[in-house]
């Protein structure tokens, strides 16, 4: 099945991978806390300066709604198997975090991207990233802050610069992560890079 059209506006796969990777960094405190292993749900909402991304998402949701029931269920099943949920309020991704990943106090490298992560408080990480742009997605860069409430929850905000249809685009992204369960169910850990 082809990828949904919104996937390349600006680089949703890259952004989702980056915010999921942010959660693997673990919070700092007098006694370093680590992210709890298991099933996590990372939620993200984005607002673009031009409104093009929101328009594309609305069109994609309209297309999903107008599909024949069997085809829509198949698409929802395919996305669900990948842990992806699409709603009017934003996108969510379920990720299985292994004990080894939860114990690593760094962000895994993302292909085509460079990242700088710095602890700026007991439970606060700042992050800047730059991605070259691959598979038809534009170059993307951004910076933001992740704040951990506990080993089971975080929130963050990012300012992202990218391109939409060859024009510069600014995106504000709000994200949060919530631990759901020790059992990941059908969601499998990401393959190591």
N, C-alpha and C. Protein backbone atom coordinates (compact mmCIF):
# COMPACT_ATOMS: atom_id res chain seq x y z
N UNK A 1 0.84 -1.18 0.00
CA UNK A 1 0.00 0.00 0.00
C UNK A 1 0.89 1.24 0.00
N UNK A 2 0.58 2.28 -0.75
CA UNK A 2 1.42 3.48 -0.78
C UNK A 2 1.34 4.24 0.55
N UNK A 3 2.40 5.02 0.83
CA UNK A 3 2.40 5.84 2.04
C UNK A 3 1.39 6.96 1.87
N UNK A 4 0.72 7.36 2.98
CA UNK A 4 -0.21 8.48 2.89
C UNK A 4 0.51 9.74 2.43
N UNK A 5 -0.20 10.61 1.72
CA UNK A 5 0.40 11.81 1.14
C UNK A 5 1.01 12.72 2.20
N UNK A 6 0.40 12.80 3.40
CA UNK A 6 0.91 13.71 4.41
C UNK A 6 2.30 13.30 4.88
N UNK A 7 2.69 12.05 4.63
CA UNK A 7 3.96 11.53 5.16
C UNK A 7 5.15 12.36 4.71
N UNK A 8 5.06 13.06 3.61
CA UNK A 8 6.20 13.84 3.15
C UNK A 8 6.04 15.33 3.45
N UNK A 9 5.05 15.72 4.22
CA UNK A 9 4.83 17.13 4.51
C UNK A 9 5.00 17.35 6.01
N UNK A 10 6.08 17.93 6.48
CA UNK A 10 7.31 18.19 5.79
C UNK A 10 8.14 16.93 5.66
N UNK A 11 8.20 16.18 6.72
CA UNK A 11 8.96 14.96 6.79
C UNK A 11 8.44 14.25 8.02
N UNK A 12 7.18 13.89 8.00
CA UNK A 12 6.53 13.37 9.19
C UNK A 12 7.23 12.14 9.74
N UNK A 13 7.72 11.27 8.87
CA UNK A 13 8.43 10.08 9.35
C UNK A 13 9.68 10.49 10.12
N UNK A 14 10.40 11.47 9.60
CA UNK A 14 11.60 11.96 10.29
C UNK A 14 11.23 12.60 11.61
N UNK A 15 10.22 13.46 11.61
CA UNK A 15 9.82 14.14 12.83
C UNK A 15 9.37 13.13 13.87
N UNK A 16 8.54 12.15 13.47
CA UNK A 16 8.08 11.13 14.42
C UNK A 16 9.25 10.33 14.96
N UNK A 17 10.20 9.97 14.09
CA UNK A 17 11.38 9.24 14.57
C UNK A 17 12.17 10.07 15.55
N UNK A 18 12.30 11.36 15.28
CA UNK A 18 13.07 12.23 16.18
C UNK A 18 12.38 12.38 17.52
N UNK A 19 11.05 12.59 17.54
CA UNK A 19 10.44 12.78 18.84
C UNK A 19 10.37 11.47 19.60
N UNK A 20 10.26 10.34 18.90
CA UNK A 20 10.33 9.05 19.60
C UNK A 20 11.73 8.83 20.15
N UNK A 21 12.74 9.22 19.38
CA UNK A 21 14.11 9.06 19.84
C UNK A 21 14.39 9.96 21.04
N UNK A 22 13.78 11.14 21.08
CA UNK A 22 14.00 12.04 22.22
C UNK A 22 13.63 11.35 23.52
N UNK A 23 12.59 10.57 23.49
CA UNK A 23 12.13 9.93 24.71
C UNK A 23 13.12 8.90 25.21
N UNK A 24 13.97 8.38 24.36
CA UNK A 24 14.94 7.37 24.77
C UNK A 24 16.12 7.97 25.52
N UNK A 25 16.19 9.26 25.61
CA UNK A 25 17.34 9.88 26.27
C UNK A 25 17.29 9.78 27.78
N UNK A 26 16.14 9.59 28.36
CA UNK A 26 16.04 9.46 29.81
C UNK A 26 16.28 10.79 30.52
N UNK A 27 15.55 11.05 31.61
CA UNK A 27 15.70 12.31 32.31
C UNK A 27 16.91 12.32 33.23
N UNK A 28 17.41 13.51 33.53
CA UNK A 28 18.51 13.64 34.47
C UNK A 28 17.94 14.10 35.81
N UNK A 29 18.53 13.66 36.89
CA UNK A 29 18.20 14.13 38.22
C UNK A 29 19.39 13.81 39.09
N UNK A 30 19.28 14.13 40.39
CA UNK A 30 20.39 13.82 41.28
C UNK A 30 20.75 12.34 41.13
N UNK A 31 19.75 11.51 40.98
CA UNK A 31 19.95 10.10 40.69
C UNK A 31 19.29 9.89 39.33
N UNK A 32 20.07 9.69 38.28
CA UNK A 32 19.55 9.66 36.93
C UNK A 32 18.42 8.65 36.79
N UNK A 33 17.26 9.16 36.36
CA UNK A 33 16.12 8.29 36.09
C UNK A 33 16.23 7.81 34.65
N UNK A 34 15.71 6.65 34.40
CA UNK A 34 15.68 6.12 33.04
C UNK A 34 14.22 5.95 32.62
N UNK A 35 14.02 6.00 31.34
CA UNK A 35 12.70 5.79 30.77
C UNK A 35 12.25 4.36 31.07
N UNK A 36 11.00 4.19 31.40
CA UNK A 36 10.50 2.86 31.73
C UNK A 36 10.35 2.03 30.46
N UNK A 37 10.88 0.80 30.44
CA UNK A 37 10.71 -0.06 29.26
C UNK A 37 9.25 -0.46 29.07
N UNK A 38 8.89 -0.74 27.83
CA UNK A 38 7.54 -1.21 27.53
C UNK A 38 6.92 -0.41 26.41
N UNK A 39 5.60 -0.44 26.36
CA UNK A 39 4.84 0.23 25.30
C UNK A 39 4.60 1.69 25.65
N UNK A 40 5.04 2.56 24.75
CA UNK A 40 4.86 4.01 24.90
C UNK A 40 4.00 4.52 23.77
N UNK A 41 3.24 5.56 24.06
CA UNK A 41 2.51 6.28 23.01
C UNK A 41 3.04 7.70 22.98
N UNK A 42 3.58 8.07 21.83
CA UNK A 42 4.10 9.42 21.60
C UNK A 42 3.06 10.15 20.75
N UNK A 43 2.61 11.29 21.22
CA UNK A 43 1.60 12.07 20.51
C UNK A 43 2.21 13.39 20.06
N UNK A 44 1.85 13.81 18.86
CA UNK A 44 2.40 15.04 18.32
C UNK A 44 1.31 15.83 17.59
N UNK A 45 1.32 17.13 17.81
CA UNK A 45 0.48 18.03 17.03
C UNK A 45 1.39 19.08 16.41
N UNK A 46 1.11 19.43 15.18
CA UNK A 46 1.93 20.40 14.47
C UNK A 46 1.06 21.48 13.86
N UNK A 47 1.57 22.69 13.91
CA UNK A 47 0.88 23.83 13.30
C UNK A 47 1.88 24.52 12.38
N UNK A 48 1.54 24.58 11.09
CA UNK A 48 2.44 25.19 10.12
C UNK A 48 2.07 26.66 9.90
N UNK A 49 3.08 27.43 9.57
CA UNK A 49 2.89 28.86 9.32
C UNK A 49 1.96 29.09 8.13
N UNK A 50 2.11 28.26 7.09
CA UNK A 50 1.32 28.45 5.86
C UNK A 50 -0.05 27.80 5.91
N UNK A 51 -0.22 26.82 6.80
CA UNK A 51 -1.47 26.06 6.84
C UNK A 51 -1.50 24.91 5.85
N UNK A 52 -0.44 24.75 5.03
CA UNK A 52 -0.41 23.69 4.01
C UNK A 52 -0.45 22.30 4.64
N UNK A 53 0.25 22.12 5.74
CA UNK A 53 0.29 20.81 6.37
C UNK A 53 -1.08 20.44 6.92
N UNK A 54 -1.75 21.40 7.55
CA UNK A 54 -3.09 21.13 8.08
C UNK A 54 -4.07 20.81 6.94
N UNK A 55 -3.94 21.52 5.83
CA UNK A 55 -4.79 21.26 4.67
C UNK A 55 -4.56 19.84 4.14
N UNK A 56 -3.28 19.44 4.04
CA UNK A 56 -2.95 18.09 3.56
C UNK A 56 -3.50 17.03 4.51
N UNK A 57 -3.39 17.25 5.82
CA UNK A 57 -3.92 16.29 6.80
C UNK A 57 -5.44 16.20 6.68
N UNK A 58 -6.11 17.33 6.53
CA UNK A 58 -7.57 17.33 6.40
C UNK A 58 -7.99 16.58 5.14
N UNK A 59 -7.26 16.79 4.03
CA UNK A 59 -7.57 16.08 2.79
C UNK A 59 -7.34 14.59 2.95
N UNK A 60 -6.24 14.21 3.64
CA UNK A 60 -5.97 12.80 3.84
C UNK A 60 -7.05 12.15 4.70
N UNK A 61 -7.50 12.85 5.76
CA UNK A 61 -8.55 12.29 6.59
C UNK A 61 -9.87 12.21 5.83
N UNK A 62 -10.12 13.18 4.96
CA UNK A 62 -11.32 13.14 4.12
C UNK A 62 -11.26 11.96 3.17
N UNK A 63 -10.06 11.72 2.59
CA UNK A 63 -9.89 10.57 1.69
C UNK A 63 -10.11 9.26 2.43
N UNK A 64 -9.58 9.16 3.65
CA UNK A 64 -9.79 7.95 4.45
C UNK A 64 -11.27 7.73 4.72
N UNK A 65 -11.97 8.81 5.09
CA UNK A 65 -13.39 8.71 5.41
C UNK A 65 -14.23 8.32 4.20
N UNK A 66 -13.79 8.70 3.00
CA UNK A 66 -14.58 8.40 1.80
C UNK A 66 -14.24 7.04 1.18
N UNK A 67 -13.24 6.34 1.72
CA UNK A 67 -12.89 5.02 1.20
C UNK A 67 -14.02 4.03 1.49
N UNK A 68 -14.17 3.03 0.62
CA UNK A 68 -15.10 1.95 0.96
C UNK A 68 -14.68 1.34 2.31
N UNK A 69 -15.65 0.89 3.08
CA UNK A 69 -15.42 0.42 4.44
C UNK A 69 -14.28 -0.60 4.53
N UNK A 70 -14.26 -1.57 3.64
CA UNK A 70 -13.22 -2.62 3.71
C UNK A 70 -11.83 -2.02 3.47
N UNK A 71 -11.73 -1.11 2.51
CA UNK A 71 -10.44 -0.49 2.20
C UNK A 71 -9.98 0.40 3.36
N UNK A 72 -10.91 1.15 3.96
CA UNK A 72 -10.57 2.01 5.09
C UNK A 72 -10.08 1.16 6.27
N UNK A 73 -10.78 0.06 6.54
CA UNK A 73 -10.38 -0.83 7.64
C UNK A 73 -8.99 -1.41 7.38
N UNK A 74 -8.70 -1.75 6.14
CA UNK A 74 -7.38 -2.28 5.79
C UNK A 74 -6.29 -1.23 6.01
N UNK A 75 -6.56 0.01 5.62
CA UNK A 75 -5.60 1.10 5.82
C UNK A 75 -5.39 1.35 7.32
N UNK A 76 -6.49 1.41 8.08
CA UNK A 76 -6.39 1.62 9.52
C UNK A 76 -5.64 0.47 10.19
N UNK A 77 -5.87 -0.75 9.71
CA UNK A 77 -5.17 -1.92 10.25
C UNK A 77 -3.67 -1.81 9.96
N UNK A 78 -3.31 -1.45 8.71
CA UNK A 78 -1.91 -1.33 8.34
C UNK A 78 -1.22 -0.26 9.21
N UNK A 79 -1.85 0.90 9.37
CA UNK A 79 -1.28 1.96 10.20
C UNK A 79 -1.19 1.51 11.66
N UNK A 80 -2.25 0.84 12.13
CA UNK A 80 -2.27 0.36 13.51
C UNK A 80 -1.17 -0.65 13.79
N UNK A 81 -0.87 -1.52 12.83
CA UNK A 81 0.20 -2.51 13.00
C UNK A 81 1.55 -1.82 13.13
N UNK A 82 1.66 -0.62 12.58
CA UNK A 82 2.89 0.16 12.70
C UNK A 82 2.84 1.08 13.92
N UNK A 83 1.73 1.01 14.67
CA UNK A 83 1.59 1.83 15.86
C UNK A 83 1.18 3.25 15.59
N UNK A 84 0.71 3.55 14.37
CA UNK A 84 0.38 4.92 13.98
C UNK A 84 -1.12 5.16 14.10
N UNK A 85 -1.47 6.24 14.77
CA UNK A 85 -2.85 6.65 14.88
C UNK A 85 -3.00 8.06 14.33
N UNK A 86 -4.03 8.29 13.54
CA UNK A 86 -4.28 9.61 12.96
C UNK A 86 -5.61 10.11 13.49
N UNK A 87 -5.59 11.30 14.05
CA UNK A 87 -6.83 11.88 14.55
C UNK A 87 -6.89 13.36 14.22
N UNK A 88 -8.05 13.94 14.48
CA UNK A 88 -8.22 15.37 14.19
C UNK A 88 -7.26 16.21 15.03
N UNK A 89 -6.88 15.72 16.23
CA UNK A 89 -6.00 16.48 17.09
C UNK A 89 -4.52 16.29 16.82
N UNK A 90 -4.16 15.33 15.98
CA UNK A 90 -2.75 15.10 15.69
C UNK A 90 -2.46 13.64 15.40
N UNK A 91 -1.19 13.30 15.48
CA UNK A 91 -0.72 11.96 15.16
C UNK A 91 -0.15 11.32 16.41
N UNK A 92 -0.37 10.02 16.56
CA UNK A 92 0.26 9.30 17.67
C UNK A 92 0.99 8.09 17.10
N UNK A 93 2.06 7.72 17.79
CA UNK A 93 2.86 6.58 17.38
C UNK A 93 3.13 5.75 18.63
N UNK A 94 2.80 4.46 18.57
CA UNK A 94 3.12 3.55 19.66
C UNK A 94 4.47 2.92 19.36
N UNK A 95 5.32 2.90 20.38
CA UNK A 95 6.69 2.41 20.22
C UNK A 95 7.00 1.46 21.36
N UNK A 96 7.64 0.34 21.03
CA UNK A 96 8.08 -0.60 22.05
C UNK A 96 9.53 -0.27 22.42
N UNK A 97 9.73 0.11 23.68
CA UNK A 97 11.06 0.46 24.18
C UNK A 97 11.59 -0.73 24.96
N UNK A 98 12.71 -1.27 24.51
CA UNK A 98 13.32 -2.43 25.18
C UNK A 98 14.05 -1.97 26.44
N UNK A 99 14.32 -2.90 27.37
CA UNK A 99 15.11 -2.53 28.55
C UNK A 99 16.48 -1.95 28.17
N UNK A 100 17.09 -2.48 27.12
CA UNK A 100 18.40 -1.97 26.68
C UNK A 100 18.27 -0.53 26.19
N UNK A 101 17.23 -0.23 25.41
CA UNK A 101 17.02 1.13 24.93
C UNK A 101 16.73 2.09 26.08
N UNK A 102 15.93 1.63 27.04
CA UNK A 102 15.57 2.47 28.18
C UNK A 102 16.79 2.79 29.04
N UNK A 103 17.78 1.91 29.03
CA UNK A 103 18.96 2.10 29.86
C UNK A 103 20.02 2.97 29.19
N UNK A 104 19.87 3.24 27.89
CA UNK A 104 20.86 4.04 27.17
C UNK A 104 20.58 5.51 27.43
N UNK A 105 21.62 6.23 27.83
CA UNK A 105 21.45 7.64 28.13
C UNK A 105 21.92 8.50 26.97
N UNK A 106 21.40 8.22 25.79
CA UNK A 106 21.72 8.99 24.59
C UNK A 106 20.60 8.79 23.60
N UNK A 107 20.59 9.60 22.57
CA UNK A 107 19.58 9.48 21.52
C UNK A 107 20.16 8.66 20.38
N UNK A 108 19.47 7.61 19.94
CA UNK A 108 19.99 6.83 18.82
C UNK A 108 20.12 7.70 17.57
N UNK A 109 21.17 7.43 16.80
CA UNK A 109 21.41 8.19 15.57
C UNK A 109 20.30 7.90 14.56
N UNK A 110 19.81 8.94 13.92
CA UNK A 110 18.82 8.79 12.86
C UNK A 110 19.53 8.98 11.53
N UNK A 111 19.28 8.09 10.60
CA UNK A 111 19.95 8.14 9.29
C UNK A 111 19.69 9.48 8.61
N UNK A 112 20.76 10.12 8.16
CA UNK A 112 20.64 11.39 7.45
C UNK A 112 20.48 12.60 8.35
N UNK A 113 20.57 12.40 9.67
CA UNK A 113 20.36 13.50 10.61
C UNK A 113 21.54 13.64 11.56
N UNK A 114 21.79 14.87 11.97
CA UNK A 114 22.73 15.13 13.05
C UNK A 114 21.95 15.74 14.20
N UNK A 115 22.36 15.43 15.43
CA UNK A 115 21.61 15.89 16.59
C UNK A 115 22.58 16.35 17.68
N UNK A 116 22.15 17.31 18.44
CA UNK A 116 22.90 17.75 19.61
C UNK A 116 21.91 17.79 20.77
N UNK A 117 22.23 17.03 21.81
CA UNK A 117 21.36 16.94 22.98
C UNK A 117 22.14 17.40 24.20
N UNK A 118 21.49 18.20 25.02
CA UNK A 118 22.16 18.72 26.20
C UNK A 118 21.17 18.73 27.37
N UNK A 119 21.65 18.32 28.53
CA UNK A 119 20.82 18.40 29.74
C UNK A 119 20.93 19.83 30.27
N UNK A 120 19.78 20.45 30.53
CA UNK A 120 19.79 21.83 31.02
C UNK A 120 19.11 21.96 32.36
N UNK A 121 18.67 20.87 32.94
CA UNK A 121 18.02 20.88 34.25
C UNK A 121 17.83 19.47 34.71
N UNK A 122 17.31 19.29 35.93
CA UNK A 122 17.17 17.95 36.47
C UNK A 122 16.39 16.99 35.56
N UNK A 123 15.36 17.47 34.90
CA UNK A 123 14.53 16.62 34.04
C UNK A 123 14.31 17.24 32.67
N UNK A 124 15.23 18.10 32.24
CA UNK A 124 15.04 18.84 30.99
C UNK A 124 16.19 18.56 30.03
N UNK A 125 15.83 18.26 28.79
CA UNK A 125 16.78 18.09 27.70
C UNK A 125 16.48 19.13 26.63
N UNK A 126 17.51 19.74 26.09
CA UNK A 126 17.32 20.57 24.90
C UNK A 126 17.93 19.80 23.74
N UNK A 127 17.35 19.99 22.58
CA UNK A 127 17.78 19.24 21.41
C UNK A 127 17.72 20.13 20.19
N UNK A 128 18.75 20.01 19.36
CA UNK A 128 18.75 20.65 18.04
C UNK A 128 19.05 19.55 17.04
N UNK A 129 18.40 19.57 15.90
CA UNK A 129 18.64 18.54 14.88
C UNK A 129 18.65 19.16 13.49
N UNK A 130 19.30 18.46 12.59
CA UNK A 130 19.34 18.85 11.18
C UNK A 130 19.32 17.57 10.37
N UNK A 131 18.36 17.44 9.46
CA UNK A 131 18.23 16.27 8.60
C UNK A 131 18.40 16.71 7.15
N UNK A 132 19.19 15.94 6.41
CA UNK A 132 19.51 16.30 5.01
C UNK A 132 18.29 16.23 4.11
N UNK A 133 17.36 15.37 4.41
CA UNK A 133 16.21 15.16 3.53
C UNK A 133 16.49 14.00 2.60
N UNK A 134 15.68 12.95 2.71
CA UNK A 134 15.86 11.75 1.90
C UNK A 134 14.49 11.26 1.44
N UNK A 135 14.50 10.38 0.45
CA UNK A 135 13.26 9.78 -0.06
C UNK A 135 12.23 10.83 -0.45
N UNK A 136 12.70 11.93 -1.02
CA UNK A 136 11.78 12.96 -1.48
C UNK A 136 11.37 13.94 -0.41
N UNK A 137 11.82 13.75 0.84
CA UNK A 137 11.46 14.71 1.88
C UNK A 137 12.48 15.84 1.89
N UNK A 138 12.05 17.05 2.26
CA UNK A 138 12.95 18.22 2.22
C UNK A 138 13.92 18.22 3.41
N UNK A 139 15.00 18.99 3.30
CA UNK A 139 15.87 19.19 4.46
C UNK A 139 15.04 19.81 5.59
N UNK A 140 15.30 19.36 6.83
CA UNK A 140 14.53 19.80 7.97
C UNK A 140 15.47 20.04 9.15
N UNK A 141 15.24 21.12 9.88
CA UNK A 141 16.02 21.37 11.09
C UNK A 141 15.09 21.92 12.15
N UNK A 142 15.54 21.82 13.40
CA UNK A 142 14.71 22.33 14.48
C UNK A 142 15.42 22.30 15.80
N UNK A 143 14.76 22.90 16.78
CA UNK A 143 15.28 22.88 18.14
C UNK A 143 14.10 22.93 19.09
N UNK A 144 14.34 22.37 20.28
CA UNK A 144 13.26 22.37 21.26
C UNK A 144 13.70 21.80 22.58
N UNK A 145 12.72 21.60 23.44
CA UNK A 145 12.96 21.14 24.81
C UNK A 145 12.02 19.99 25.14
N UNK A 146 12.57 19.00 25.83
CA UNK A 146 11.79 17.87 26.35
C UNK A 146 11.86 17.95 27.87
N UNK A 147 10.72 17.86 28.55
CA UNK A 147 10.67 17.87 30.00
C UNK A 147 10.02 16.58 30.49
N UNK A 148 10.73 15.85 31.34
CA UNK A 148 10.21 14.60 31.88
C UNK A 148 9.51 14.86 33.20
N UNK A 149 8.27 14.42 33.31
CA UNK A 149 7.52 14.49 34.56
C UNK A 149 7.89 13.31 35.45
N UNK A 150 8.25 12.18 34.81
CA UNK A 150 8.61 10.95 35.51
C UNK A 150 9.20 9.99 34.47
N UNK A 151 9.64 8.81 34.88
CA UNK A 151 10.10 7.83 33.89
C UNK A 151 8.96 7.31 32.99
N UNK A 152 7.73 7.76 33.26
CA UNK A 152 6.57 7.29 32.50
C UNK A 152 5.87 8.39 31.70
N UNK A 153 6.40 9.61 31.69
CA UNK A 153 5.72 10.68 30.96
C UNK A 153 6.68 11.82 30.66
N UNK A 154 6.50 12.43 29.49
CA UNK A 154 7.27 13.62 29.10
C UNK A 154 6.40 14.51 28.23
N UNK A 155 6.83 15.78 28.08
CA UNK A 155 6.21 16.69 27.13
C UNK A 155 7.31 17.52 26.50
N UNK A 156 7.04 18.10 25.36
CA UNK A 156 8.06 18.90 24.69
C UNK A 156 7.47 19.81 23.64
N UNK A 157 8.29 20.79 23.25
CA UNK A 157 7.91 21.73 22.21
C UNK A 157 9.11 21.97 21.30
N UNK A 158 8.86 22.04 19.99
CA UNK A 158 9.91 22.26 19.01
C UNK A 158 9.48 23.31 18.00
N UNK A 159 10.46 24.03 17.49
CA UNK A 159 10.29 24.92 16.33
C UNK A 159 11.05 24.25 15.20
N UNK A 160 10.40 24.03 14.09
CA UNK A 160 10.98 23.29 12.97
C UNK A 160 10.98 24.16 11.72
N UNK A 161 12.06 24.09 10.95
CA UNK A 161 12.17 24.78 9.67
C UNK A 161 12.32 23.71 8.59
N UNK A 162 11.50 23.80 7.56
CA UNK A 162 11.54 22.83 6.46
C UNK A 162 11.08 23.53 5.18
N UNK A 163 10.64 22.75 4.21
CA UNK A 163 10.09 23.29 2.97
C UNK A 163 8.81 22.54 2.64
N UNK A 164 7.86 23.27 2.11
CA UNK A 164 6.63 22.67 1.59
C UNK A 164 6.47 23.16 0.17
N UNK A 165 6.43 22.24 -0.76
CA UNK A 165 6.32 22.56 -2.18
C UNK A 165 7.41 23.55 -2.59
N UNK A 166 8.63 23.32 -2.08
CA UNK A 166 9.78 24.14 -2.44
C UNK A 166 9.87 25.49 -1.76
N UNK A 167 8.93 25.80 -0.87
CA UNK A 167 8.94 27.10 -0.17
C UNK A 167 9.28 26.87 1.31
N UNK A 168 10.01 27.83 1.92
CA UNK A 168 10.34 27.70 3.35
C UNK A 168 9.07 27.60 4.19
N UNK A 169 9.14 26.79 5.23
CA UNK A 169 7.98 26.56 6.10
C UNK A 169 8.45 26.50 7.55
N UNK A 170 7.71 27.16 8.44
CA UNK A 170 7.96 27.10 9.88
C UNK A 170 6.84 26.28 10.51
N UNK A 171 7.21 25.37 11.41
CA UNK A 171 6.23 24.51 12.06
C UNK A 171 6.47 24.53 13.57
N UNK A 172 5.40 24.71 14.33
CA UNK A 172 5.45 24.56 15.78
C UNK A 172 4.93 23.17 16.10
N UNK A 173 5.70 22.42 16.87
CA UNK A 173 5.32 21.05 17.21
C UNK A 173 5.26 20.90 18.72
N UNK A 174 4.14 20.38 19.21
CA UNK A 174 3.99 20.03 20.62
C UNK A 174 3.90 18.52 20.68
N UNK A 175 4.55 17.93 21.67
CA UNK A 175 4.55 16.48 21.77
C UNK A 175 4.45 16.04 23.22
N UNK A 176 4.04 14.80 23.39
CA UNK A 176 4.00 14.21 24.72
C UNK A 176 4.19 12.72 24.58
N UNK A 177 4.65 12.10 25.63
CA UNK A 177 4.82 10.66 25.64
C UNK A 177 4.29 10.10 26.94
N UNK A 178 3.65 8.95 26.83
CA UNK A 178 3.06 8.30 28.00
C UNK A 178 3.33 6.81 27.94
N UNK A 179 3.87 6.27 29.02
CA UNK A 179 4.07 4.83 29.13
C UNK A 179 2.71 4.18 29.27
N UNK A 180 2.45 3.11 28.51
CA UNK A 180 1.15 2.45 28.54
C UNK A 180 1.16 1.12 29.27
N UNK A 181 2.22 0.33 29.04
CA UNK A 181 2.21 -1.04 29.56
C UNK A 181 3.60 -1.65 29.49
N UNK A 182 3.88 -2.61 30.36
CA UNK A 182 5.15 -3.34 30.28
C UNK A 182 5.13 -4.28 29.08
N UNK A 183 3.94 -4.70 28.64
CA UNK A 183 3.78 -5.61 27.50
C UNK A 183 3.52 -4.80 26.24
N UNK A 184 4.37 -4.98 25.24
CA UNK A 184 4.22 -4.22 23.98
C UNK A 184 3.18 -4.82 23.05
N UNK A 185 2.65 -6.00 23.36
CA UNK A 185 1.65 -6.62 22.50
C UNK A 185 2.18 -6.84 21.09
N UNK A 186 1.43 -6.39 20.10
CA UNK A 186 1.82 -6.61 18.69
C UNK A 186 2.86 -5.62 18.20
N UNK A 187 3.14 -4.57 18.95
CA UNK A 187 4.12 -3.57 18.54
C UNK A 187 5.53 -4.10 18.85
N UNK A 188 6.34 -4.23 17.83
CA UNK A 188 7.69 -4.77 17.99
C UNK A 188 8.70 -3.65 18.11
N UNK A 189 9.80 -3.89 18.86
CA UNK A 189 10.86 -2.89 18.94
C UNK A 189 11.41 -2.58 17.55
N UNK A 190 11.88 -1.37 17.37
CA UNK A 190 12.49 -0.98 16.10
C UNK A 190 13.77 -1.78 15.90
N UNK A 191 14.05 -2.09 14.65
CA UNK A 191 15.29 -2.81 14.34
C UNK A 191 16.47 -1.91 14.64
N UNK A 192 17.55 -2.46 15.24
CA UNK A 192 18.71 -1.62 15.51
C UNK A 192 19.34 -1.11 14.23
N UNK A 193 19.89 0.12 14.27
CA UNK A 193 20.55 0.73 13.10
C UNK A 193 22.00 0.39 13.12
